[in-house]
All heavy atoms as atom14 arrays in JSON, in Angstrom:
{
  "sequence": "RQAPGKEREFVAAFGWTGINTSYADSVKGRFTISRDSAKNTVYLQMN",
  "atom14_mask": [
    [1, 1, 1, 1, 1, 1, 1, 1, 1, 1, 1, 0, 0, 0],
    [1, 1, 1, 1, 1, 1, 1, 1, 1, 0, 0, 0, 0, 0],
    [1, 1, 1, 1, 1, 0, 0, 0, 0, 0, 0, 0, 0, 0],
    [1, 1, 1, 1, 1, 1, 1, 0, 0, 0, 0, 0, 0, 0],
    [1, 1, 1, 1, 0, 0, 0, 0, 0, 0, 0, 0, 0, 0],
    [1, 1, 1, 1, 1, 1, 1, 1, 1, 0, 0, 0, 0, 0],
    [1, 1, 1, 1, 1, 1, 1, 1, 1, 0, 0, 0, 0, 0],
    [1, 1, 1, 1, 1, 1, 1, 1, 1, 1, 1, 0, 0, 0],
    [1, 1, 1, 1, 1, 1, 1, 1, 1, 0, 0, 0, 0, 0],
    [1, 1, 1, 1, 1, 1, 1, 1, 1, 1, 1, 0, 0, 0],
    [1, 1, 1, 1, 1, 1, 1, 0, 0, 0, 0, 0, 0, 0],
    [1, 1, 1, 1, 1, 0, 0, 0, 0, 0, 0, 0, 0, 0],
    [1, 1, 1, 1, 1, 0, 0, 0, 0, 0, 0, 0, 0, 0],
    [1, 1, 1, 1, 1, 1, 1, 1, 1, 1, 1, 0, 0, 0],
    [1, 1, 1, 1, 0, 0, 0, 0, 0, 0, 0, 0, 0, 0],
    [1, 1, 1, 1, 1, 1, 1, 1, 1, 1, 1, 1, 1, 1],
    [1, 1, 1, 1, 1, 1, 1, 0, 0, 0, 0, 0, 0, 0],
    [1, 1, 1, 1, 0, 0, 0, 0, 0, 0, 0, 0, 0, 0],
    [1, 1, 1, 1, 1, 1, 1, 1, 0, 0, 0, 0, 0, 0],
    [1, 1, 1, 1, 1, 1, 1, 1, 0, 0, 0, 0, 0, 0],
    [1, 1, 1, 1, 1, 1, 1, 0, 0, 0, 0, 0, 0, 0],
    [1, 1, 1, 1, 1, 1, 0, 0, 0, 0, 0, 0, 0, 0],
    [1, 1, 1, 1, 1, 1, 1, 1, 1, 1, 1, 1, 0, 0],
    [1, 1, 1, 1, 1, 0, 0, 0, 0, 0, 0, 0, 0, 0],
    [1, 1, 1, 1, 1, 1, 1, 1, 0, 0, 0, 0, 0, 0],
    [1, 1, 1, 1, 1, 1, 0, 0, 0, 0, 0, 0, 0, 0],
    [1, 1, 1, 1, 1, 1, 1, 0, 0, 0, 0, 0, 0, 0],
    [1, 1, 1, 1, 1, 1, 1, 1, 1, 0, 0, 0, 0, 0],
    [1, 1, 1, 1, 0, 0, 0, 0, 0, 0, 0, 0, 0, 0],
    [1, 1, 1, 1, 1, 1, 1, 1, 1, 1, 1, 0, 0, 0],
    [1, 1, 1, 1, 1, 1, 1, 1, 1, 1, 1, 0, 0, 0],
    [1, 1, 1, 1, 1, 1, 1, 0, 0, 0, 0, 0, 0, 0],
    [1, 1, 1, 1, 1, 1, 1, 1, 0, 0, 0, 0, 0, 0],
    [1, 1, 1, 1, 1, 1, 0, 0, 0, 0, 0, 0, 0, 0],
    [1, 1, 1, 1, 1, 1, 1, 1, 1, 1, 1, 0, 0, 0],
    [1, 1, 1, 1, 1, 1, 1, 1, 0, 0, 0, 0, 0, 0],
    [1, 1, 1, 1, 1, 1, 0, 0, 0, 0, 0, 0, 0, 0],
    [1, 1, 1, 1, 1, 0, 0, 0, 0, 0, 0, 0, 0, 0],
    [1, 1, 1, 1, 1, 1, 1, 1, 1, 0, 0, 0, 0, 0],
    [1, 1, 1, 1, 1, 1, 1, 1, 0, 0, 0, 0, 0, 0],
    [1, 1, 1, 1, 1, 1, 1, 0, 0, 0, 0, 0, 0, 0],
    [1, 1, 1, 1, 1, 1, 1, 0, 0, 0, 0, 0, 0, 0],
    [1, 1, 1, 1, 1, 1, 1, 1, 1, 1, 1, 1, 0, 0],
    [1, 1, 1, 1, 1, 1, 1, 1, 0, 0, 0, 0, 0, 0],
    [1, 1, 1, 1, 1, 1, 1, 1, 1, 0, 0, 0, 0, 0],
    [1, 1, 1, 1, 1, 1, 1, 1, 0, 0, 0, 0, 0, 0],
    [1, 1, 1, 1, 1, 1, 1, 1, 0, 0, 0, 0, 0, 0]
  ],
  "atom14_positions": [
    [[95.1, 86.52, 115.61], [95.92, 87.68, 115.28], [96.93, 87.95, 116.39], [96.71, 87.58, 117.55], [95.06, 88.91, 115.03], [94.33, 89.44, 116.26], [93.4, 90.57, 115.86], [92.7, 91.15, 117.0], [91.74, 92.06, 116.92], [91.36, 92.52, 115.72], [91.17, 92.54, 118.01], [0.0, 0.0, 0.0], [0.0, 0.0, 0.0], [0.0, 0.0, 0.0]],
    [[98.01, 88.59, 115.99], [99.05, 88.93, 116.95], [99.58, 90.32, 116.66], [100.13, 90.58, 115.58], [100.19, 87.91, 116.89], [101.22, 88.08, 117.99], [102.14, 86.88, 118.1], [102.24, 86.05, 117.2], [102.82, 86.77, 119.23], [0.0, 0.0, 0.0], [0.0, 0.0, 0.0], [0.0, 0.0, 0.0], [0.0, 0.0, 0.0], [0.0, 0.0, 0.0]],
    [[99.4, 91.19, 117.63], [99.91, 92.55, 117.54], [101.31, 92.6, 118.15], [101.66, 91.74, 118.97], [98.98, 93.51, 118.27], [0.0, 0.0, 0.0], [0.0, 0.0, 0.0], [0.0, 0.0, 0.0], [0.0, 0.0, 0.0], [0.0, 0.0, 0.0], [0.0, 0.0, 0.0], [0.0, 0.0, 0.0], [0.0, 0.0, 0.0], [0.0, 0.0, 0.0]],
    [[102.12, 93.59, 117.79], [103.47, 93.68, 118.33], [103.47, 93.7, 119.85], [102.72, 94.46, 120.47], [103.99, 94.99, 117.76], [103.21, 95.18, 116.5], [101.86, 94.63, 116.79], [0.0, 0.0, 0.0], [0.0, 0.0, 0.0], [0.0, 0.0, 0.0], [0.0, 0.0, 0.0], [0.0, 0.0, 0.0], [0.0, 0.0, 0.0], [0.0, 0.0, 0.0]],
    [[104.28, 92.83, 120.44], [104.41, 92.81, 121.89], [103.28, 92.12, 122.62], [103.24, 92.12, 123.86], [0.0, 0.0, 0.0], [0.0, 0.0, 0.0], [0.0, 0.0, 0.0], [0.0, 0.0, 0.0], [0.0, 0.0, 0.0], [0.0, 0.0, 0.0], [0.0, 0.0, 0.0], [0.0, 0.0, 0.0], [0.0, 0.0, 0.0], [0.0, 0.0, 0.0]],
    [[102.36, 91.54, 121.86], [101.22, 90.87, 122.5], [101.16, 89.41, 122.1], [101.76, 88.99, 121.12], [99.92, 91.57, 122.1], [99.8, 92.99, 122.62], [98.43, 93.55, 122.35], [98.27, 94.94, 122.93], [96.9, 95.49, 122.7], [0.0, 0.0, 0.0], [0.0, 0.0, 0.0], [0.0, 0.0, 0.0], [0.0, 0.0, 0.0], [0.0, 0.0, 0.0]],
    [[100.41, 88.64, 122.86], [100.23, 87.23, 122.54], [99.24, 87.08, 121.38], [98.4, 87.95, 121.15], [99.71, 86.47, 123.76], [100.74, 86.31, 124.86], [100.3, 85.31, 125.91], [99.18, 84.77, 125.8], [101.07, 85.07, 126.84], [0.0, 0.0, 0.0], [0.0, 0.0, 0.0], [0.0, 0.0, 0.0], [0.0, 0.0, 0.0], [0.0, 0.0, 0.0]],
    [[99.37, 85.94, 120.71], [98.42, 85.65, 119.65], [97.04, 85.42, 120.27], [96.9, 84.67, 121.24], [98.87, 84.41, 118.88], [98.14, 84.18, 117.57], [98.78, 83.08, 116.76], [100.16, 83.4, 116.39], [100.9, 82.67, 115.57], [100.37, 81.57, 115.01], [102.15, 83.02, 115.3], [0.0, 0.0, 0.0], [0.0, 0.0, 0.0], [0.0, 0.0, 0.0]],
    [[96.03, 86.05, 119.69], [94.69, 85.96, 120.26], [93.68, 85.48, 119.24], [93.82, 85.68, 118.04], [94.25, 87.33, 120.81], [94.07, 88.4, 119.76], [93.53, 89.71, 120.33], [93.36, 89.82, 121.57], [93.24, 90.62, 119.53], [0.0, 0.0, 0.0], [0.0, 0.0, 0.0], [0.0, 0.0, 0.0], [0.0, 0.0, 0.0], [0.0, 0.0, 0.0]],
    [[92.64, 84.89, 119.76], [91.56, 84.37, 118.95], [90.76, 85.5, 118.31], [90.51, 86.53, 118.94], [90.64, 83.52, 119.82], [89.34, 83.14, 119.18], [89.29, 82.14, 118.23], [88.17, 83.79, 119.51], [88.1, 81.79, 117.62], [86.97, 83.45, 118.92], [86.94, 82.45, 117.98], [0.0, 0.0, 0.0], [0.0, 0.0, 0.0], [0.0, 0.0, 0.0]],
    [[90.31, 85.27, 117.07], [89.47, 86.25, 116.37], [88.13, 85.63, 116.0], [87.08, 86.14, 116.37], [90.17, 86.77, 115.1], [89.24, 87.7, 114.33], [91.47, 87.48, 115.44], [0.0, 0.0, 0.0], [0.0, 0.0, 0.0], [0.0, 0.0, 0.0], [0.0, 0.0, 0.0], [0.0, 0.0, 0.0], [0.0, 0.0, 0.0], [0.0, 0.0, 0.0]],
    [[88.16, 84.52, 115.27], [86.93, 83.9, 114.78], [87.18, 82.45, 114.41], [88.32, 82.08, 114.11], [86.38, 84.65, 113.57], [0.0, 0.0, 0.0], [0.0, 0.0, 0.0], [0.0, 0.0, 0.0], [0.0, 0.0, 0.0], [0.0, 0.0, 0.0], [0.0, 0.0, 0.0], [0.0, 0.0, 0.0], [0.0, 0.0, 0.0], [0.0, 0.0, 0.0]],
    [[86.12, 81.64, 114.45], [86.29, 80.23, 114.11], [84.95, 79.6, 113.76], [83.9, 80.14, 114.09], [86.92, 79.46, 115.28], [0.0, 0.0, 0.0], [0.0, 0.0, 0.0], [0.0, 0.0, 0.0], [0.0, 0.0, 0.0], [0.0, 0.0, 0.0], [0.0, 0.0, 0.0], [0.0, 0.0, 0.0], [0.0, 0.0, 0.0], [0.0, 0.0, 0.0]],
    [[85.03, 78.45, 113.07], [83.85, 77.6, 112.94], [84.27, 76.14, 113.03], [85.41, 75.77, 112.73], [83.04, 77.88, 111.67], [83.79, 77.79, 110.37], [84.26, 76.59, 109.88], [83.99, 78.93, 109.62], [84.92, 76.51, 108.67], [84.66, 78.87, 108.41], [85.12, 77.66, 107.93], [0.0, 0.0, 0.0], [0.0, 0.0, 0.0], [0.0, 0.0, 0.0]],
    [[83.36, 75.3, 113.5], [83.61, 73.87, 113.55], [83.57, 73.28, 112.15], [83.2, 73.97, 111.19], [0.0, 0.0, 0.0], [0.0, 0.0, 0.0], [0.0, 0.0, 0.0], [0.0, 0.0, 0.0], [0.0, 0.0, 0.0], [0.0, 0.0, 0.0], [0.0, 0.0, 0.0], [0.0, 0.0, 0.0], [0.0, 0.0, 0.0], [0.0, 0.0, 0.0]],
    [[83.91, 72.02, 112.0], [84.09, 71.5, 110.66], [82.8, 71.48, 109.84], [82.86, 71.57, 108.61], [84.74, 70.11, 110.68], [83.84, 68.96, 111.03], [83.66, 68.41, 112.25], [83.03, 68.22, 110.11], [82.78, 67.37, 112.16], [82.38, 67.22, 110.87], [82.8, 68.28, 108.73], [81.51, 66.3, 110.29], [81.94, 67.36, 108.15], [81.29, 66.39, 108.94]],
    [[81.65, 71.4, 110.48], [80.4, 71.43, 109.71], [80.07, 72.83, 109.22], [79.21, 72.99, 108.35], [79.23, 70.92, 110.56], [79.06, 71.8, 111.68], [79.48, 69.51, 111.05], [0.0, 0.0, 0.0], [0.0, 0.0, 0.0], [0.0, 0.0, 0.0], [0.0, 0.0, 0.0], [0.0, 0.0, 0.0], [0.0, 0.0, 0.0], [0.0, 0.0, 0.0]],
    [[80.72, 73.83, 109.79], [80.44, 75.2, 109.4], [79.22, 75.79, 110.06], [78.89, 76.95, 109.85], [0.0, 0.0, 0.0], [0.0, 0.0, 0.0], [0.0, 0.0, 0.0], [0.0, 0.0, 0.0], [0.0, 0.0, 0.0], [0.0, 0.0, 0.0], [0.0, 0.0, 0.0], [0.0, 0.0, 0.0], [0.0, 0.0, 0.0], [0.0, 0.0, 0.0]],
    [[78.55, 75.01, 110.89], [77.31, 75.48, 111.52], [77.61, 76.35, 112.73], [77.04, 77.42, 112.91], [76.44, 74.27, 111.92], [76.0, 73.51, 110.67], [75.25, 74.73, 112.75], [75.26, 72.23, 110.97], [0.0, 0.0, 0.0], [0.0, 0.0, 0.0], [0.0, 0.0, 0.0], [0.0, 0.0, 0.0], [0.0, 0.0, 0.0], [0.0, 0.0, 0.0]],
    [[78.5, 75.88, 113.58], [78.84, 76.62, 114.8], [79.94, 77.61, 114.52], [80.99, 77.26, 113.97], [79.28, 75.65, 115.89], [78.18, 74.71, 116.3], [77.03, 75.12, 116.45], [78.5, 73.44, 116.46], [0.0, 0.0, 0.0], [0.0, 0.0, 0.0], [0.0, 0.0, 0.0], [0.0, 0.0, 0.0], [0.0, 0.0, 0.0], [0.0, 0.0, 0.0]],
    [[79.73, 78.85, 114.88], [80.74, 79.89, 114.73], [80.97, 80.58, 116.07], [80.13, 80.53, 116.97], [80.34, 80.95, 113.7], [79.12, 81.56, 114.1], [80.18, 80.34, 112.32], [0.0, 0.0, 0.0], [0.0, 0.0, 0.0], [0.0, 0.0, 0.0], [0.0, 0.0, 0.0], [0.0, 0.0, 0.0], [0.0, 0.0, 0.0], [0.0, 0.0, 0.0]],
    [[82.12, 81.21, 116.18], [82.45, 81.93, 117.4], [83.3, 83.14, 117.03], [84.13, 83.05, 116.1], [83.22, 81.02, 118.36], [83.55, 81.7, 119.56], [0.0, 0.0, 0.0], [0.0, 0.0, 0.0], [0.0, 0.0, 0.0], [0.0, 0.0, 0.0], [0.0, 0.0, 0.0], [0.0, 0.0, 0.0], [0.0, 0.0, 0.0], [0.0, 0.0, 0.0]],
    [[83.11, 84.24, 117.75], [83.86, 85.46, 117.5], [84.35, 86.04, 118.82], [83.65, 85.96, 119.84], [82.99, 86.5, 116.8], [82.57, 86.11, 115.4], [81.38, 85.43, 115.18], [83.37, 86.41, 114.31], [81.0, 85.06, 113.91], [82.99, 86.04, 113.02], [81.81, 85.36, 112.83], [81.43, 84.99, 111.57], [0.0, 0.0, 0.0], [0.0, 0.0, 0.0]],
    [[85.51, 86.65, 118.77], [85.97, 87.42, 119.92], [85.04, 88.6, 120.13], [84.51, 89.16, 119.16], [87.4, 87.91, 119.68], [0.0, 0.0, 0.0], [0.0, 0.0, 0.0], [0.0, 0.0, 0.0], [0.0, 0.0, 0.0], [0.0, 0.0, 0.0], [0.0, 0.0, 0.0], [0.0, 0.0, 0.0], [0.0, 0.0, 0.0], [0.0, 0.0, 0.0]],
    [[84.84, 88.98, 121.36], [83.94, 90.1, 121.65], [84.37, 91.37, 120.93], [83.54, 92.17, 120.52], [83.9, 90.35, 123.16], [83.14, 89.26, 123.91], [82.41, 88.48, 123.26], [83.29, 89.2, 125.14], [0.0, 0.0, 0.0], [0.0, 0.0, 0.0], [0.0, 0.0, 0.0], [0.0, 0.0, 0.0], [0.0, 0.0, 0.0], [0.0, 0.0, 0.0]],
    [[85.67, 91.53, 120.78], [86.2, 92.76, 120.18], [85.88, 92.89, 118.7], [85.98, 93.99, 118.14], [87.71, 92.82, 120.38], [88.34, 91.7, 119.79], [0.0, 0.0, 0.0], [0.0, 0.0, 0.0], [0.0, 0.0, 0.0], [0.0, 0.0, 0.0], [0.0, 0.0, 0.0], [0.0, 0.0, 0.0], [0.0, 0.0, 0.0], [0.0, 0.0, 0.0]],
    [[85.51, 91.79, 118.05], [85.24, 91.85, 116.61], [83.81, 91.47, 116.26], [83.41, 91.58, 115.09], [86.21, 90.94, 115.82], [87.66, 91.24, 116.19], [85.91, 89.46, 116.02], [0.0, 0.0, 0.0], [0.0, 0.0, 0.0], [0.0, 0.0, 0.0], [0.0, 0.0, 0.0], [0.0, 0.0, 0.0], [0.0, 0.0, 0.0], [0.0, 0.0, 0.0]],
    [[83.05, 91.04, 117.23], [81.68, 90.59, 116.98], [80.86, 91.71, 116.35], [80.88, 92.85, 116.82], [81.05, 90.12, 118.29], [79.82, 89.26, 118.13], [79.38, 88.7, 119.48], [80.4, 87.76, 120.07], [79.96, 87.17, 121.36], [0.0, 0.0, 0.0], [0.0, 0.0, 0.0], [0.0, 0.0, 0.0], [0.0, 0.0, 0.0], [0.0, 0.0, 0.0]],
    [[80.15, 91.36, 115.29], [79.35, 92.36, 114.59], [80.12, 93.1, 113.51], [79.51, 93.81, 112.7], [0.0, 0.0, 0.0], [0.0, 0.0, 0.0], [0.0, 0.0, 0.0], [0.0, 0.0, 0.0], [0.0, 0.0, 0.0], [0.0, 0.0, 0.0], [0.0, 0.0, 0.0], [0.0, 0.0, 0.0], [0.0, 0.0, 0.0], [0.0, 0.0, 0.0]],
    [[81.44, 92.97, 113.5], [82.26, 93.65, 112.48], [82.95, 92.65, 111.54], [83.17, 92.96, 110.37], [83.32, 94.51, 113.16], [82.78, 95.59, 114.05], [83.88, 96.55, 114.53], [84.88, 95.88, 115.33], [86.19, 95.87, 115.04], [86.63, 96.5, 113.98], [87.05, 95.24, 115.84], [0.0, 0.0, 0.0], [0.0, 0.0, 0.0], [0.0, 0.0, 0.0]],
    [[83.32, 91.5, 112.07], [84.05, 90.49, 111.29], [83.14, 89.29, 111.01], [82.29, 88.94, 111.83], [85.28, 89.99, 112.04], [86.39, 90.99, 112.2], [86.23, 92.33, 111.89], [87.63, 90.57, 112.67], [87.27, 93.24, 112.04], [88.68, 91.46, 112.82], [88.49, 92.8, 112.51], [0.0, 0.0, 0.0], [0.0, 0.0, 0.0], [0.0, 0.0, 0.0]],
    [[83.37, 88.65, 109.87], [82.61, 87.46, 109.51], [83.55, 86.41, 108.92], [84.3, 86.72, 107.98], [81.52, 87.78, 108.49], [80.65, 88.79, 109.0], [80.69, 86.53, 108.18], [0.0, 0.0, 0.0], [0.0, 0.0, 0.0], [0.0, 0.0, 0.0], [0.0, 0.0, 0.0], [0.0, 0.0, 0.0], [0.0, 0.0, 0.0], [0.0, 0.0, 0.0]],
    [[83.48, 85.2, 109.47], [84.25, 84.09, 108.92], [83.35, 83.27, 108.0], [82.16, 83.07, 108.29], [84.84, 83.21, 110.05], [85.78, 82.16, 109.48], [83.75, 82.6, 110.91], [86.54, 81.38, 110.56], [0.0, 0.0, 0.0], [0.0, 0.0, 0.0], [0.0, 0.0, 0.0], [0.0, 0.0, 0.0], [0.0, 0.0, 0.0], [0.0, 0.0, 0.0]],
    [[83.91, 82.82, 106.89], [83.13, 82.03, 105.95], [84.06, 81.12, 105.16], [85.29, 81.25, 105.25], [82.35, 82.94, 104.99], [83.23, 83.71, 104.2], [0.0, 0.0, 0.0], [0.0, 0.0, 0.0], [0.0, 0.0, 0.0], [0.0, 0.0, 0.0], [0.0, 0.0, 0.0], [0.0, 0.0, 0.0], [0.0, 0.0, 0.0], [0.0, 0.0, 0.0]],
    [[83.47, 80.23, 104.38], [84.3, 79.35, 103.56], [83.65, 79.1, 102.22], [82.42, 79.16, 102.1], [84.57, 78.02, 104.26], [83.35, 77.13, 104.42], [83.68, 75.88, 105.21], [82.51, 75.03, 105.39], [82.48, 73.96, 106.19], [83.56, 73.62, 106.87], [81.39, 73.24, 106.28], [0.0, 0.0, 0.0], [0.0, 0.0, 0.0], [0.0, 0.0, 0.0]],
    [[84.47, 78.83, 101.23], [84.03, 78.47, 99.9], [84.68, 77.13, 99.59], [85.87, 77.07, 99.27], [84.44, 79.54, 98.89], [83.93, 79.27, 97.49], [83.7, 78.1, 97.15], [83.76, 80.24, 96.74], [0.0, 0.0, 0.0], [0.0, 0.0, 0.0], [0.0, 0.0, 0.0], [0.0, 0.0, 0.0], [0.0, 0.0, 0.0], [0.0, 0.0, 0.0]],
    [[83.92, 76.06, 99.69], [84.48, 74.73, 99.49], [84.96, 74.52, 98.06], [85.94, 73.82, 97.83], [83.44, 73.66, 99.86], [83.11, 73.75, 101.23], [0.0, 0.0, 0.0], [0.0, 0.0, 0.0], [0.0, 0.0, 0.0], [0.0, 0.0, 0.0], [0.0, 0.0, 0.0], [0.0, 0.0, 0.0], [0.0, 0.0, 0.0], [0.0, 0.0, 0.0]],
    [[84.29, 75.14, 97.1], [84.69, 74.99, 95.7], [86.08, 75.57, 95.46], [86.85, 75.04, 94.67], [83.67, 75.66, 94.79], [0.0, 0.0, 0.0], [0.0, 0.0, 0.0], [0.0, 0.0, 0.0], [0.0, 0.0, 0.0], [0.0, 0.0, 0.0], [0.0, 0.0, 0.0], [0.0, 0.0, 0.0], [0.0, 0.0, 0.0], [0.0, 0.0, 0.0]],
    [[86.41, 76.65, 96.16], [87.72, 77.27, 96.03], [88.68, 76.78, 97.11], [89.84, 77.2, 97.14], [87.59, 78.79, 96.1], [86.8, 79.38, 94.95], [86.77, 80.9, 95.03], [86.02, 81.47, 93.83], [85.95, 82.95, 93.88], [0.0, 0.0, 0.0], [0.0, 0.0, 0.0], [0.0, 0.0, 0.0], [0.0, 0.0, 0.0], [0.0, 0.0, 0.0]],
    [[88.18, 75.94, 98.02], [88.96, 75.45, 99.15], [89.63, 76.59, 99.92], [90.83, 76.54, 100.25], [90.02, 74.43, 98.71], [90.2, 73.34, 99.74], [89.26, 72.95, 100.43], [91.41, 72.82, 99.86], [0.0, 0.0, 0.0], [0.0, 0.0, 0.0], [0.0, 0.0, 0.0], [0.0, 0.0, 0.0], [0.0, 0.0, 0.0], [0.0, 0.0, 0.0]],
    [[88.83, 77.59, 100.21], [89.34, 78.82, 100.82], [88.42, 79.26, 101.94], [87.19, 79.12, 101.84], [89.45, 79.93, 99.76], [90.37, 79.52, 98.74], [89.93, 81.24, 100.37], [0.0, 0.0, 0.0], [0.0, 0.0, 0.0], [0.0, 0.0, 0.0], [0.0, 0.0, 0.0], [0.0, 0.0, 0.0], [0.0, 0.0, 0.0], [0.0, 0.0, 0.0]],
    [[89.03, 79.78, 102.99], [88.3, 80.37, 104.11], [88.58, 81.86, 104.1], [89.7, 82.29, 103.77], [88.75, 79.74, 105.43], [88.13, 80.45, 106.62], [88.38, 78.26, 105.46], [0.0, 0.0, 0.0], [0.0, 0.0, 0.0], [0.0, 0.0, 0.0], [0.0, 0.0, 0.0], [0.0, 0.0, 0.0], [0.0, 0.0, 0.0], [0.0, 0.0, 0.0]],
    [[87.56, 82.64, 104.45], [87.68, 84.09, 104.41], [87.43, 84.7, 105.79], [86.74, 84.13, 106.63], [86.66, 84.67, 103.43], [86.8, 84.15, 102.03], [85.98, 83.12, 101.56], [87.76, 84.68, 101.16], [86.11, 82.64, 100.27], [87.89, 84.2, 99.87], [87.07, 83.18, 99.43], [87.2, 82.7, 98.16], [0.0, 0.0, 0.0], [0.0, 0.0, 0.0]],
    [[87.98, 85.88, 105.96], [87.64, 86.71, 107.11], [87.33, 88.1, 106.56], [88.23, 88.82, 106.14], [88.79, 86.79, 108.12], [88.46, 87.56, 109.4], [87.41, 86.8, 110.23], [89.72, 87.8, 110.23], [0.0, 0.0, 0.0], [0.0, 0.0, 0.0], [0.0, 0.0, 0.0], [0.0, 0.0, 0.0], [0.0, 0.0, 0.0], [0.0, 0.0, 0.0]],
    [[86.05, 88.43, 106.55], [85.61, 89.76, 106.12], [85.67, 90.68, 107.33], [85.03, 90.39, 108.35], [84.19, 89.7, 105.56], [83.65, 91.05, 105.15], [84.37, 91.64, 103.95], [84.64, 90.94, 102.98], [84.68, 92.92, 104.01], [0.0, 0.0, 0.0], [0.0, 0.0, 0.0], [0.0, 0.0, 0.0], [0.0, 0.0, 0.0], [0.0, 0.0, 0.0]],
    [[86.42, 91.75, 107.2], [86.61, 92.66, 108.32], [86.08, 94.03, 107.93], [86.59, 94.65, 106.99], [88.1, 92.75, 108.68], [88.71, 91.38, 108.97], [90.37, 91.49, 109.66], [91.25, 92.19, 108.3], [0.0, 0.0, 0.0], [0.0, 0.0, 0.0], [0.0, 0.0, 0.0], [0.0, 0.0, 0.0], [0.0, 0.0, 0.0], [0.0, 0.0, 0.0]],
    [[85.07, 94.49, 108.64], [84.44, 95.78, 108.38], [84.63, 96.71, 109.57], [84.97, 96.26, 110.67], [82.95, 95.6, 108.1], [82.68, 94.73, 106.89], [83.43, 94.73, 105.93], [81.58, 94.01, 106.94], [0.0, 0.0, 0.0], [0.0, 0.0, 0.0], [0.0, 0.0, 0.0], [0.0, 0.0, 0.0], [0.0, 0.0, 0.0], [0.0, 0.0, 0.0]]
  ]
}
C-alpha cells in the first residue's frame, strides 16, 4: 500500500505454496491474505 506522500509499504504476502504467510506488524490480526485457485484470484480481507 501507498499513502499520499509516503513510500509503498508491505502489507501481506504468501509464498507460492500458500503455506508461508507474512504480515506487517501494523495489520497483523486484522488483515488476512488468501487465494482461490478456481477463480484465479487473491484476496485481502481487511477488518
